[in-house]
Amino acid sequence: MKKVYRLENLDCAHCAAKMETAIAKLEGVTKVQISFLTQKLTLETDCDDQTAIVEQAKKICKKVEPDCRLLG
């Protein structure tokens, strides 16, 4: 399943790359892409319910950049 989420207050392309790398390691994630310019995260998973993965991704975003919020 592929879904696009909006990011808020993503201030740095380097932080986006760090988030992308960490989220890609989560179980169930097949592909992830974070665009600093559009402030969007594209997430592809092998499951229909992405709720647990999104919650983990939110924690990763907060850890890398405390002001950043993953909306979704």
Protein backbone atom coordinates (compact mmCIF):
# COMPACT_ATOMS: atom_id res chain seq x y z
CA MET A 1 0.00 0.00 0.00
CA LYS A 2 1.32 3.43 -0.93
CA LYS A 3 0.32 6.58 0.90
CA VAL A 4 1.60 10.16 1.06
CA TYR A 5 1.79 12.06 4.35
CA ARG A 6 2.47 15.72 4.97
CA LEU A 7 5.36 16.88 7.13
CA GLU A 8 5.29 20.10 9.09
CA ASN A 9 8.34 22.14 10.20
CA LEU A 10 10.93 20.02 8.41
CA ASP A 11 13.83 22.48 8.42
CA CYS A 12 16.74 20.61 6.90
CA ALA A 13 17.42 18.27 3.99
CA HIS A 14 20.03 16.39 6.03
CA CYS A 15 17.43 15.65 8.73
CA ALA A 16 15.02 14.46 6.03
CA ALA A 17 17.66 12.01 4.80
CA LYS A 18 18.28 10.74 8.34
CA MET A 19 14.54 10.21 8.86
CA GLU A 20 14.23 8.42 5.53
CA THR A 21 17.06 6.03 6.39
CA ALA A 22 15.61 5.22 9.82
CA ILE A 23 12.04 4.73 8.56
CA ALA A 24 13.28 2.46 5.74
CA LYS A 25 14.58 0.06 8.42
CA LEU A 26 11.14 -0.41 10.01
CA GLU A 27 9.54 -3.81 9.60
CA GLY A 28 6.93 -3.82 6.84
CA VAL A 29 8.30 -0.80 4.96
CA THR A 30 9.10 -1.59 1.33
CA LYS A 31 9.94 1.95 0.19
CA VAL A 32 10.10 5.40 1.74
CA GLN A 33 10.89 8.79 0.27
CA ILE A 34 10.96 12.13 2.04
CA SER A 35 10.96 15.31 0.00
CA PHE A 36 12.34 18.31 1.86
CA LEU A 37 11.08 20.72 -0.81
CA THR A 38 7.47 19.53 -0.81
CA GLN A 39 7.46 18.55 2.89
CA LYS A 40 5.98 15.13 2.06
CA LEU A 41 6.71 11.55 3.06
CA THR A 42 5.76 8.79 0.64
CA LEU A 43 5.44 5.45 2.37
CA GLU A 44 5.00 2.05 0.74
CA THR A 45 4.33 -0.96 2.94
CA ASP A 46 3.42 -4.59 2.48
CA CYS A 47 0.37 -4.26 4.73
CA ASP A 48 -2.98 -2.48 4.33
CA ASP A 49 -2.99 -0.93 7.80
CA GLN A 50 -0.08 1.46 8.18
CA THR A 51 -1.13 2.73 11.63
CA ALA A 52 1.66 1.05 13.62
CA ILE A 53 4.33 2.00 11.08
CA VAL A 54 3.14 5.62 10.98
CA GLU A 55 3.28 5.83 14.78
CA GLN A 56 6.88 4.58 14.72
CA ALA A 57 7.69 7.02 11.90
CA LYS A 58 6.28 9.90 13.97
CA LYS A 59 8.63 8.99 16.83
CA ILE A 60 11.59 8.85 14.45
CA CYS A 61 10.73 12.28 13.03
CA LYS A 62 10.49 13.78 16.53
CA LYS A 63 13.78 12.20 17.55
CA VAL A 64 15.68 13.53 14.52
CA GLU A 65 14.02 16.96 14.47
CA PRO A 66 11.93 17.79 17.57
CA ASP A 67 9.84 20.49 15.83
CA CYS A 68 8.89 18.26 12.89
CA ARG A 69 5.42 16.70 12.81
CA LEU A 70 4.20 13.89 10.60
CA LEU A 71 0.54 14.55 9.85
CA GLY A 72 -1.56 11.53 9.14
